[in-house]
Amino acid sequence: MKFLINFRIWVGRLILKRLIKTRHRHKKVFNLRTAQTIGIVYDATSTNHFDAILEFTKELAKRKLTIYVLGYIRGKEIPDKYLFKKDHSYFFKKDINWYSRTNHPDAVKFMNQKFDILIDLHLYRDFVFDFIVGMSLARFKVGRFSEGPNYYDLMIQVKGEPTFEYFIQQVHYYLDMINRPELTPHFQNI
């Protein structure tokens, strides 16, 4: 069984590598002060994650940012509390093919959106998220540090098994701090 899973991921990586070459993305570093649009992708299987996402998006909305959220649900039904949330879309396990690519219309739209920042909040390696992040046209991609192939411009390393809320705090902290000239020491020529 593990051989079959590894084979599927191997095929998926080959296809993703080929598809990425056809995508033209303009990279640029953004922070929470310079960005205008943010895309967030996360594992929405746990309703606890949903509550944390709502808090995070409320915090970002205070900064007048436009936020789009894409969640992946491993089940078959969408929980009631997820319904009727503006700019939140979901896809299911049934919406991915055998090598973990999704053609769900909301996911395709999300991947084609030219966000200033794409934040991948999933905590564990899952090729479904690799495919979305890899195919995304976002200008600046942020996610958790991991060994092996990744598609991020900024990786945030957290030790051990962090909680979802803690990882969101770290993402928020680094995106608030990165690329801010007022935090860079100025040296004078003597």
N, C-alpha and C. Protein backbone atom coordinates (compact mmCIF):
# COMPACT_ATOMS: atom_id res chain seq x y z
N MET A 1 0.81 -1.19 0.00
CA MET A 1 0.00 0.00 0.00
C MET A 1 0.86 1.26 0.00
N LYS A 2 1.92 1.26 0.80
CA LYS A 2 2.81 2.43 0.86
C LYS A 2 3.47 2.66 -0.49
N PHE A 3 3.81 1.58 -1.20
CA PHE A 3 4.40 1.70 -2.53
C PHE A 3 3.45 2.43 -3.47
N LEU A 4 2.18 2.09 -3.42
CA LEU A 4 1.18 2.71 -4.28
C LEU A 4 1.03 4.20 -3.96
N ILE A 5 1.02 4.54 -2.68
CA ILE A 5 0.94 5.95 -2.27
C ILE A 5 2.16 6.72 -2.76
N ASN A 6 3.35 6.15 -2.57
CA ASN A 6 4.58 6.80 -3.03
C ASN A 6 4.60 6.95 -4.55
N PHE A 7 4.09 5.95 -5.26
CA PHE A 7 4.02 6.02 -6.71
C PHE A 7 3.08 7.14 -7.15
N ARG A 8 1.94 7.26 -6.49
CA ARG A 8 0.99 8.33 -6.82
C ARG A 8 1.62 9.70 -6.61
N ILE A 9 2.31 9.87 -5.50
CA ILE A 9 2.96 11.16 -5.22
C ILE A 9 4.07 11.42 -6.24
N TRP A 10 4.82 10.40 -6.59
CA TRP A 10 5.88 10.55 -7.59
C TRP A 10 5.30 11.02 -8.93
N VAL A 11 4.22 10.38 -9.37
CA VAL A 11 3.55 10.78 -10.61
C VAL A 11 3.02 12.21 -10.48
N GLY A 12 2.41 12.51 -9.34
CA GLY A 12 1.89 13.85 -9.10
C GLY A 12 2.98 14.90 -9.17
N ARG A 13 4.14 14.62 -8.57
CA ARG A 13 5.25 15.58 -8.61
C ARG A 13 5.75 15.80 -10.04
N LEU A 14 5.83 14.73 -10.82
CA LEU A 14 6.24 14.88 -12.23
C LEU A 14 5.26 15.76 -13.00
N ILE A 15 3.99 15.50 -12.81
CA ILE A 15 2.97 16.29 -13.50
C ILE A 15 3.00 17.74 -13.01
N LEU A 16 3.12 17.93 -11.70
CA LEU A 16 3.17 19.28 -11.15
C LEU A 16 4.38 20.04 -11.67
N LYS A 17 5.52 19.40 -11.71
CA LYS A 17 6.74 20.04 -12.22
C LYS A 17 6.55 20.50 -13.66
N ARG A 18 5.91 19.67 -14.47
CA ARG A 18 5.65 20.03 -15.87
C ARG A 18 4.66 21.18 -15.96
N LEU A 19 3.61 21.14 -15.15
CA LEU A 19 2.59 22.19 -15.18
C LEU A 19 3.12 23.53 -14.68
N ILE A 20 3.98 23.51 -13.66
CA ILE A 20 4.53 24.76 -13.12
C ILE A 20 5.31 25.51 -14.19
N LYS A 21 5.97 24.80 -15.09
CA LYS A 21 6.74 25.45 -16.17
C LYS A 21 5.84 26.25 -17.10
N THR A 22 4.56 25.93 -17.15
CA THR A 22 3.64 26.66 -18.03
C THR A 22 3.02 27.86 -17.34
N ARG A 23 3.24 28.00 -16.04
CA ARG A 23 2.66 29.10 -15.26
C ARG A 23 3.69 30.22 -15.14
N HIS A 24 3.26 31.44 -15.28
CA HIS A 24 4.17 32.58 -15.17
C HIS A 24 3.74 33.43 -13.97
N ARG A 25 4.57 33.37 -12.96
CA ARG A 25 4.29 34.04 -11.69
C ARG A 25 5.32 35.14 -11.48
N HIS A 26 4.88 36.30 -11.08
CA HIS A 26 5.78 37.42 -10.79
C HIS A 26 6.01 37.48 -9.29
N LYS A 27 7.20 37.08 -8.87
CA LYS A 27 7.51 37.00 -7.45
C LYS A 27 7.84 38.38 -6.89
N LYS A 28 7.39 38.61 -5.67
CA LYS A 28 7.70 39.84 -4.95
C LYS A 28 7.44 39.58 -3.47
N VAL A 29 8.27 40.15 -2.62
CA VAL A 29 8.10 39.99 -1.18
C VAL A 29 7.07 41.01 -0.68
N PHE A 30 6.09 40.51 0.05
CA PHE A 30 5.08 41.36 0.66
C PHE A 30 5.06 41.08 2.16
N ASN A 31 4.58 42.07 2.91
CA ASN A 31 4.28 41.86 4.32
C ASN A 31 2.84 42.29 4.54
N LEU A 32 2.39 42.27 5.78
CA LEU A 32 1.00 42.60 6.06
C LEU A 32 0.68 44.08 5.87
N ARG A 33 1.71 44.91 5.75
CA ARG A 33 1.49 46.34 5.50
C ARG A 33 1.43 46.65 4.01
N THR A 34 2.13 45.87 3.21
CA THR A 34 2.20 46.17 1.78
C THR A 34 1.23 45.35 0.94
N ALA A 35 0.74 44.26 1.48
CA ALA A 35 -0.17 43.39 0.73
C ALA A 35 -1.58 44.00 0.68
N GLN A 36 -2.30 43.64 -0.36
CA GLN A 36 -3.70 44.03 -0.48
C GLN A 36 -4.62 42.80 -0.51
N THR A 37 -4.11 41.70 -1.08
CA THR A 37 -4.91 40.47 -1.16
C THR A 37 -4.14 39.30 -0.57
N ILE A 38 -4.85 38.47 0.15
CA ILE A 38 -4.24 37.30 0.78
C ILE A 38 -5.13 36.09 0.52
N GLY A 39 -4.51 35.00 0.10
CA GLY A 39 -5.19 33.72 -0.04
C GLY A 39 -4.70 32.80 1.06
N ILE A 40 -5.62 32.11 1.69
CA ILE A 40 -5.28 31.18 2.76
C ILE A 40 -5.82 29.81 2.38
N VAL A 41 -4.96 28.80 2.42
CA VAL A 41 -5.38 27.42 2.17
C VAL A 41 -5.08 26.63 3.44
N TYR A 42 -6.03 25.75 3.83
CA TYR A 42 -5.84 25.00 5.08
C TYR A 42 -6.65 23.72 5.06
N ASP A 43 -6.30 22.83 5.98
CA ASP A 43 -7.04 21.59 6.16
C ASP A 43 -8.25 21.90 7.03
N ALA A 44 -9.42 21.89 6.40
CA ALA A 44 -10.66 22.27 7.08
C ALA A 44 -11.40 21.08 7.68
N THR A 45 -10.75 19.94 7.75
CA THR A 45 -11.41 18.75 8.27
C THR A 45 -11.82 18.95 9.73
N SER A 46 -10.96 19.58 10.52
CA SER A 46 -11.26 19.85 11.93
C SER A 46 -12.00 21.18 12.07
N THR A 47 -13.15 21.16 12.71
CA THR A 47 -13.89 22.41 12.91
C THR A 47 -13.15 23.36 13.85
N ASN A 48 -12.23 22.83 14.66
CA ASN A 48 -11.41 23.70 15.51
C ASN A 48 -10.54 24.60 14.64
N HIS A 49 -10.07 24.10 13.52
CA HIS A 49 -9.27 24.91 12.61
C HIS A 49 -10.10 26.06 12.05
N PHE A 50 -11.36 25.79 11.80
CA PHE A 50 -12.24 26.81 11.25
C PHE A 50 -12.35 28.00 12.20
N ASP A 51 -12.50 27.74 13.48
CA ASP A 51 -12.60 28.82 14.47
C ASP A 51 -11.33 29.67 14.47
N ALA A 52 -10.17 29.02 14.39
CA ALA A 52 -8.90 29.74 14.36
C ALA A 52 -8.77 30.56 13.07
N ILE A 53 -9.23 30.01 11.96
CA ILE A 53 -9.19 30.74 10.69
C ILE A 53 -10.07 31.98 10.76
N LEU A 54 -11.25 31.86 11.34
CA LEU A 54 -12.13 33.02 11.47
C LEU A 54 -11.47 34.14 12.27
N GLU A 55 -10.82 33.78 13.37
CA GLU A 55 -10.12 34.79 14.18
C GLU A 55 -8.99 35.45 13.39
N PHE A 56 -8.23 34.63 12.67
CA PHE A 56 -7.11 35.14 11.87
C PHE A 56 -7.61 36.07 10.77
N THR A 57 -8.67 35.68 10.07
CA THR A 57 -9.17 36.52 8.99
C THR A 57 -9.79 37.81 9.52
N LYS A 58 -10.39 37.78 10.71
CA LYS A 58 -10.91 39.01 11.32
C LYS A 58 -9.76 39.98 11.62
N GLU A 59 -8.66 39.42 12.12
CA GLU A 59 -7.48 40.25 12.41
C GLU A 59 -6.92 40.87 11.13
N LEU A 60 -6.86 40.08 10.06
CA LEU A 60 -6.34 40.60 8.79
C LEU A 60 -7.31 41.62 8.18
N ALA A 61 -8.59 41.41 8.35
CA ALA A 61 -9.58 42.33 7.79
C ALA A 61 -9.49 43.71 8.44
N LYS A 62 -9.05 43.77 9.68
CA LYS A 62 -8.86 45.06 10.35
C LYS A 62 -7.82 45.91 9.62
N ARG A 63 -6.95 45.26 8.87
CA ARG A 63 -5.90 45.96 8.10
C ARG A 63 -6.37 46.30 6.69
N LYS A 64 -7.64 46.13 6.44
CA LYS A 64 -8.24 46.43 5.13
C LYS A 64 -7.70 45.54 4.02
N LEU A 65 -7.39 44.29 4.36
CA LEU A 65 -6.92 43.31 3.38
C LEU A 65 -8.10 42.53 2.83
N THR A 66 -8.03 42.16 1.57
CA THR A 66 -9.02 41.29 0.96
C THR A 66 -8.53 39.86 1.13
N ILE A 67 -9.36 39.02 1.73
CA ILE A 67 -8.94 37.66 2.08
C ILE A 67 -9.86 36.63 1.43
N TYR A 68 -9.24 35.61 0.86
CA TYR A 68 -9.96 34.47 0.30
C TYR A 68 -9.44 33.22 0.99
N VAL A 69 -10.34 32.34 1.37
CA VAL A 69 -9.96 31.13 2.11
C VAL A 69 -10.42 29.91 1.32
N LEU A 70 -9.51 28.94 1.18
CA LEU A 70 -9.83 27.67 0.54
C LEU A 70 -9.52 26.56 1.53
N GLY A 71 -10.51 25.76 1.85
CA GLY A 71 -10.33 24.66 2.79
C GLY A 71 -10.53 23.32 2.12
N TYR A 72 -9.75 22.35 2.57
CA TYR A 72 -9.84 20.97 2.08
C TYR A 72 -10.46 20.13 3.19
N ILE A 73 -11.60 19.49 2.89
CA ILE A 73 -12.30 18.66 3.86
C ILE A 73 -12.15 17.20 3.44
N ARG A 74 -11.60 16.39 4.31
CA ARG A 74 -11.38 14.97 3.99
C ARG A 74 -12.67 14.15 4.06
N GLY A 75 -13.71 14.72 4.58
CA GLY A 75 -14.99 14.01 4.68
C GLY A 75 -15.84 14.19 3.44
N LYS A 76 -17.13 13.90 3.59
CA LYS A 76 -18.05 13.96 2.46
C LYS A 76 -19.02 15.12 2.55
N GLU A 77 -19.15 15.72 3.73
CA GLU A 77 -20.12 16.79 3.92
C GLU A 77 -19.45 18.00 4.55
N ILE A 78 -20.01 19.16 4.23
CA ILE A 78 -19.50 20.39 4.82
C ILE A 78 -20.22 20.64 6.15
N PRO A 79 -19.47 20.90 7.22
CA PRO A 79 -20.12 21.19 8.51
C PRO A 79 -20.99 22.45 8.41
N ASP A 80 -22.08 22.45 9.14
CA ASP A 80 -23.02 23.58 9.09
C ASP A 80 -22.37 24.92 9.39
N LYS A 81 -21.44 24.95 10.33
CA LYS A 81 -20.83 26.22 10.71
C LYS A 81 -19.98 26.83 9.58
N TYR A 82 -19.63 26.04 8.56
CA TYR A 82 -18.83 26.55 7.44
C TYR A 82 -19.69 27.26 6.40
N LEU A 83 -20.98 27.05 6.46
CA LEU A 83 -21.86 27.57 5.43
C LEU A 83 -22.02 29.08 5.52
N PHE A 84 -22.21 29.69 4.39
CA PHE A 84 -22.54 31.11 4.27
C PHE A 84 -21.45 32.03 4.80
N LYS A 85 -20.20 31.65 4.66
CA LYS A 85 -19.09 32.52 5.02
C LYS A 85 -18.55 33.15 3.75
N LYS A 86 -18.56 34.45 3.72
CA LYS A 86 -18.10 35.19 2.54
C LYS A 86 -16.62 34.89 2.27
N ASP A 87 -16.32 34.67 1.01
CA ASP A 87 -14.94 34.42 0.54
C ASP A 87 -14.31 33.17 1.14
N HIS A 88 -15.12 32.20 1.54
CA HIS A 88 -14.65 30.89 2.00
C HIS A 88 -15.17 29.85 1.03
N SER A 89 -14.27 29.01 0.51
CA SER A 89 -14.66 27.93 -0.40
C SER A 89 -14.05 26.63 0.12
N TYR A 90 -14.68 25.52 -0.25
CA TYR A 90 -14.21 24.21 0.22
C TYR A 90 -14.28 23.19 -0.89
N PHE A 91 -13.36 22.24 -0.83
CA PHE A 91 -13.43 21.09 -1.71
C PHE A 91 -13.19 19.85 -0.87
N PHE A 92 -13.56 18.69 -1.43
CA PHE A 92 -13.58 17.45 -0.66
C PHE A 92 -12.63 16.42 -1.27
N LYS A 93 -12.43 15.36 -0.53
CA LYS A 93 -11.58 14.27 -0.99
C LYS A 93 -12.07 13.72 -2.32
N LYS A 94 -13.38 13.69 -2.53
CA LYS A 94 -13.94 13.20 -3.80
C LYS A 94 -13.57 14.11 -4.97
N ASP A 95 -13.12 15.35 -4.67
CA ASP A 95 -12.78 16.33 -5.71
C ASP A 95 -11.32 16.25 -6.17
N ILE A 96 -10.56 15.29 -5.62
CA ILE A 96 -9.17 15.15 -6.06
C ILE A 96 -9.04 13.85 -6.84
N ASN A 97 -8.10 13.85 -7.79
CA ASN A 97 -7.90 12.63 -8.59
C ASN A 97 -6.89 11.71 -7.89
N TRP A 98 -6.52 10.65 -8.55
CA TRP A 98 -5.69 9.62 -7.90
C TRP A 98 -4.29 10.09 -7.57
N TYR A 99 -3.79 11.16 -8.20
CA TYR A 99 -2.47 11.67 -7.83
C TYR A 99 -2.56 13.01 -7.10
N SER A 100 -3.73 13.29 -6.49
CA SER A 100 -3.96 14.41 -5.57
C SER A 100 -4.11 15.78 -6.22
N ARG A 101 -4.50 15.82 -7.46
CA ARG A 101 -4.79 17.10 -8.12
C ARG A 101 -6.29 17.34 -8.06
N THR A 102 -6.67 18.57 -7.79
CA THR A 102 -8.08 18.91 -7.77
C THR A 102 -8.43 19.79 -8.97
N ASN A 103 -9.58 19.53 -9.53
CA ASN A 103 -10.12 20.38 -10.59
C ASN A 103 -11.43 21.02 -10.13
N HIS A 104 -11.63 21.05 -8.83
CA HIS A 104 -12.82 21.70 -8.29
C HIS A 104 -12.79 23.17 -8.72
N PRO A 105 -13.89 23.71 -9.22
CA PRO A 105 -13.89 25.09 -9.75
C PRO A 105 -13.38 26.14 -8.76
N ASP A 106 -13.74 26.01 -7.48
CA ASP A 106 -13.26 26.98 -6.50
C ASP A 106 -11.75 26.88 -6.29
N ALA A 107 -11.23 25.67 -6.32
CA ALA A 107 -9.78 25.48 -6.15
C ALA A 107 -9.03 26.00 -7.37
N VAL A 108 -9.55 25.75 -8.56
CA VAL A 108 -8.91 26.25 -9.78
C VAL A 108 -8.91 27.77 -9.79
N LYS A 109 -10.03 28.36 -9.41
CA LYS A 109 -10.13 29.83 -9.33
C LYS A 109 -9.10 30.36 -8.32
N PHE A 110 -8.98 29.69 -7.19
CA PHE A 110 -8.03 30.08 -6.15
C PHE A 110 -6.60 30.02 -6.68
N MET A 111 -6.25 28.95 -7.38
CA MET A 111 -4.89 28.81 -7.91
C MET A 111 -4.58 29.85 -8.97
N ASN A 112 -5.58 30.32 -9.69
CA ASN A 112 -5.36 31.31 -10.75
C ASN A 112 -5.41 32.75 -10.25
N GLN A 113 -5.80 32.93 -9.01
CA GLN A 113 -5.87 34.27 -8.42
C GLN A 113 -4.45 34.76 -8.13
N LYS A 114 -4.15 36.00 -8.48
CA LYS A 114 -2.81 36.56 -8.26
C LYS A 114 -2.76 37.29 -6.92
N PHE A 115 -2.81 36.50 -5.85
CA PHE A 115 -2.73 37.07 -4.51
C PHE A 115 -1.38 37.72 -4.29
N ASP A 116 -1.35 38.74 -3.43
CA ASP A 116 -0.06 39.28 -3.01
C ASP A 116 0.64 38.25 -2.13
N ILE A 117 -0.11 37.62 -1.23
CA ILE A 117 0.44 36.60 -0.34
C ILE A 117 -0.48 35.38 -0.35
N LEU A 118 0.12 34.21 -0.47
CA LEU A 118 -0.58 32.95 -0.27
C LEU A 118 -0.04 32.34 1.01
N ILE A 119 -0.93 32.02 1.94
CA ILE A 119 -0.54 31.41 3.21
C ILE A 119 -1.08 29.99 3.24
N ASP A 120 -0.17 29.03 3.32
CA ASP A 120 -0.54 27.62 3.43
C ASP A 120 -0.45 27.25 4.91
N LEU A 121 -1.57 26.97 5.52
CA LEU A 121 -1.61 26.70 6.95
C LEU A 121 -1.73 25.23 7.31
N HIS A 122 -1.54 24.33 6.35
CA HIS A 122 -1.63 22.92 6.75
C HIS A 122 -0.34 22.54 7.48
N LEU A 123 -0.47 21.68 8.46
CA LEU A 123 0.66 21.38 9.34
C LEU A 123 1.47 20.16 8.93
N TYR A 124 0.88 19.25 8.16
CA TYR A 124 1.57 18.01 7.83
C TYR A 124 1.63 17.85 6.32
N ARG A 125 2.67 17.17 5.84
CA ARG A 125 2.85 16.99 4.40
C ARG A 125 1.63 16.30 3.80
N ASP A 126 1.09 16.93 2.78
CA ASP A 126 -0.03 16.37 2.04
C ASP A 126 0.08 16.93 0.63
N PHE A 127 0.22 16.07 -0.34
CA PHE A 127 0.47 16.52 -1.70
C PHE A 127 -0.69 17.34 -2.27
N VAL A 128 -1.87 17.20 -1.73
CA VAL A 128 -3.00 18.03 -2.16
C VAL A 128 -2.63 19.51 -2.02
N PHE A 129 -2.03 19.86 -0.89
CA PHE A 129 -1.65 21.25 -0.65
C PHE A 129 -0.44 21.64 -1.49
N ASP A 130 0.50 20.72 -1.68
CA ASP A 130 1.64 21.00 -2.55
C ASP A 130 1.17 21.38 -3.95
N PHE A 131 0.17 20.67 -4.44
CA PHE A 131 -0.33 20.94 -5.78
C PHE A 131 -0.96 22.33 -5.85
N ILE A 132 -1.74 22.68 -4.86
CA ILE A 132 -2.38 24.00 -4.86
C ILE A 132 -1.35 25.11 -4.74
N VAL A 133 -0.41 24.97 -3.82
CA VAL A 133 0.62 25.99 -3.64
C VAL A 133 1.51 26.07 -4.87
N GLY A 134 1.92 24.93 -5.41
CA GLY A 134 2.78 24.92 -6.58
C GLY A 134 2.14 25.58 -7.79
N MET A 135 0.86 25.36 -7.99
CA MET A 135 0.15 25.91 -9.14
C MET A 135 -0.32 27.35 -8.93
N SER A 136 -0.27 27.82 -7.71
CA SER A 136 -0.76 29.16 -7.41
C SER A 136 0.06 30.24 -8.12
N LEU A 137 -0.63 31.29 -8.57
CA LEU A 137 0.03 32.43 -9.18
C LEU A 137 0.32 33.54 -8.17
N ALA A 138 0.17 33.24 -6.89
CA ALA A 138 0.45 34.22 -5.84
C ALA A 138 1.88 34.73 -5.97
N ARG A 139 2.07 35.98 -5.63
CA ARG A 139 3.40 36.59 -5.77
C ARG A 139 4.35 36.22 -4.65
N PHE A 140 3.81 35.92 -3.47
CA PHE A 140 4.64 35.56 -2.32
C PHE A 140 3.95 34.43 -1.58
N LYS A 141 4.61 33.28 -1.48
CA LYS A 141 4.02 32.07 -0.90
C LYS A 141 4.69 31.74 0.43
N VAL A 142 3.87 31.51 1.45
CA VAL A 142 4.36 31.26 2.80
C VAL A 142 3.78 29.95 3.32
N GLY A 143 4.62 29.15 3.98
CA GLY A 143 4.15 27.90 4.55
C GLY A 143 5.14 27.35 5.56
N ARG A 144 4.80 26.21 6.11
CA ARG A 144 5.64 25.57 7.13
C ARG A 144 6.86 24.93 6.49
N PHE A 145 7.99 25.06 7.17
CA PHE A 145 9.22 24.43 6.71
C PHE A 145 9.06 22.92 6.67
N SER A 146 9.55 22.35 5.59
CA SER A 146 9.56 20.89 5.49
C SER A 146 10.71 20.48 4.59
N GLU A 147 11.20 19.29 4.83
CA GLU A 147 12.26 18.74 4.00
C GLU A 147 11.66 18.34 2.65
N GLY A 148 12.49 18.29 1.66
CA GLY A 148 12.03 17.84 0.36
C GLY A 148 11.47 18.97 -0.47
N PRO A 149 10.88 18.63 -1.58
CA PRO A 149 10.37 19.66 -2.49
C PRO A 149 9.29 20.53 -1.83
N ASN A 150 9.40 21.83 -2.06
CA ASN A 150 8.35 22.73 -1.60
C ASN A 150 8.25 23.88 -2.59
N TYR A 151 7.23 24.68 -2.45
CA TYR A 151 6.93 25.72 -3.43
C TYR A 151 6.77 27.07 -2.76
N TYR A 152 7.42 27.25 -1.61
CA TYR A 152 7.28 28.47 -0.83
C TYR A 152 8.41 29.45 -1.12
N ASP A 153 8.10 30.73 -0.90
CA ASP A 153 9.12 31.77 -0.94
C ASP A 153 9.63 32.04 0.47
N LEU A 154 8.80 31.79 1.46
CA LEU A 154 9.17 31.93 2.87
C LEU A 154 8.66 30.71 3.61
N MET A 155 9.57 30.02 4.29
CA MET A 155 9.18 28.86 5.10
C MET A 155 9.39 29.21 6.57
N ILE A 156 8.42 28.86 7.38
CA ILE A 156 8.48 29.13 8.81
C ILE A 156 8.67 27.81 9.53
N GLN A 157 9.78 27.75 10.26
CA GLN A 157 10.09 26.51 10.97
C GLN A 157 9.58 26.60 12.40
N VAL A 158 8.79 25.60 12.77
CA VAL A 158 8.32 25.48 14.15
C VAL A 158 8.72 24.10 14.65
N LYS A 159 9.14 24.04 15.87
CA LYS A 159 9.63 22.78 16.44
C LYS A 159 8.47 21.91 16.90
N GLY A 160 8.71 20.61 16.83
CA GLY A 160 7.76 19.65 17.38
C GLY A 160 6.44 19.60 16.63
N GLU A 161 5.40 19.37 17.40
CA GLU A 161 4.04 19.26 16.86
C GLU A 161 3.25 20.49 17.29
N PRO A 162 3.36 21.58 16.56
CA PRO A 162 2.68 22.81 16.99
C PRO A 162 1.16 22.71 16.82
N THR A 163 0.46 23.49 17.61
CA THR A 163 -0.98 23.57 17.42
C THR A 163 -1.24 24.45 16.20
N PHE A 164 -2.41 24.32 15.66
CA PHE A 164 -2.82 25.13 14.51
C PHE A 164 -2.78 26.62 14.87
N GLU A 165 -3.28 26.95 16.05
CA GLU A 165 -3.31 28.34 16.51
C GLU A 165 -1.91 28.90 16.65
N TYR A 166 -0.98 28.11 17.18
CA TYR A 166 0.40 28.56 17.35
C TYR A 166 1.04 28.83 15.99
N PHE A 167 0.81 27.96 15.03
CA PHE A 167 1.38 28.17 13.70
C PHE A 167 0.82 29.45 13.06
N ILE A 168 -0.46 29.70 13.24
CA ILE A 168 -1.04 30.95 12.72
C ILE A 168 -0.37 32.15 13.38
N GLN A 169 -0.13 32.09 14.68
CA GLN A 169 0.56 33.18 15.38
C GLN A 169 1.95 33.43 14.79
N GLN A 170 2.67 32.34 14.49
CA GLN A 170 4.01 32.49 13.92
C GLN A 170 3.96 33.10 12.52
N VAL A 171 3.01 32.67 11.71
CA VAL A 171 2.85 33.24 10.37
C VAL A 171 2.55 34.73 10.48
N HIS A 172 1.62 35.07 11.36
CA HIS A 172 1.25 36.47 11.56
C HIS A 172 2.46 37.29 12.01
N TYR A 173 3.22 36.76 12.95
CA TYR A 173 4.40 37.46 13.47
C TYR A 173 5.41 37.74 12.36
N TYR A 174 5.75 36.72 11.58
CA TYR A 174 6.78 36.90 10.55
C TYR A 174 6.29 37.74 9.38
N LEU A 175 5.03 37.63 9.03
CA LEU A 175 4.52 38.48 7.94
C LEU A 175 4.36 39.93 8.38
N ASP A 176 4.26 40.15 9.65
CA ASP A 176 4.21 41.52 10.16
C ASP A 176 5.60 42.13 10.24
N MET A 177 6.61 41.30 10.40
CA MET A 177 7.97 41.76 10.62
C MET A 177 8.80 41.85 9.33
N ILE A 178 8.56 40.97 8.37
CA ILE A 178 9.41 40.84 7.20
C ILE A 178 9.41 42.10 6.33
N ASN A 179 10.57 42.41 5.78
CA ASN A 179 10.72 43.44 4.76
C ASN A 179 10.25 44.81 5.23
N ARG A 180 10.56 45.15 6.47
CA ARG A 180 10.19 46.46 7.00
C ARG A 180 11.44 47.29 7.22
N PRO A 181 11.65 48.32 6.41
CA PRO A 181 12.87 49.12 6.50
C PRO A 181 13.10 49.73 7.87
N GLU A 182 12.02 50.09 8.58
CA GLU A 182 12.20 50.73 9.88
C GLU A 182 12.79 49.77 10.92
N LEU A 183 12.77 48.48 10.64
CA LEU A 183 13.35 47.51 11.56
C LEU A 183 14.79 47.15 11.21
N THR A 184 15.26 47.63 10.06
CA THR A 184 16.62 47.35 9.61
C THR A 184 17.56 48.40 10.19
N PRO A 185 18.63 47.96 10.84
CA PRO A 185 19.58 48.95 11.41
C PRO A 185 20.26 49.74 10.29
N HIS A 186 20.42 51.02 10.52
CA HIS A 186 21.08 51.89 9.55
C HIS A 186 22.53 52.11 10.01
N PHE A 187 23.45 51.86 9.11
CA PHE A 187 24.86 52.03 9.43
C PHE A 187 25.38 53.26 8.71
N GLN A 188 26.15 54.04 9.40
CA GLN A 188 26.72 55.24 8.80
C GLN A 188 28.18 54.98 8.51
N ASN A 189 28.64 55.58 7.40
CA ASN A 189 30.07 55.49 7.09
C ASN A 189 30.84 56.38 8.04
N ILE A 190 31.89 55.86 8.56
CA ILE A 190 32.72 56.65 9.50
C ILE A 190 33.93 57.16 8.79
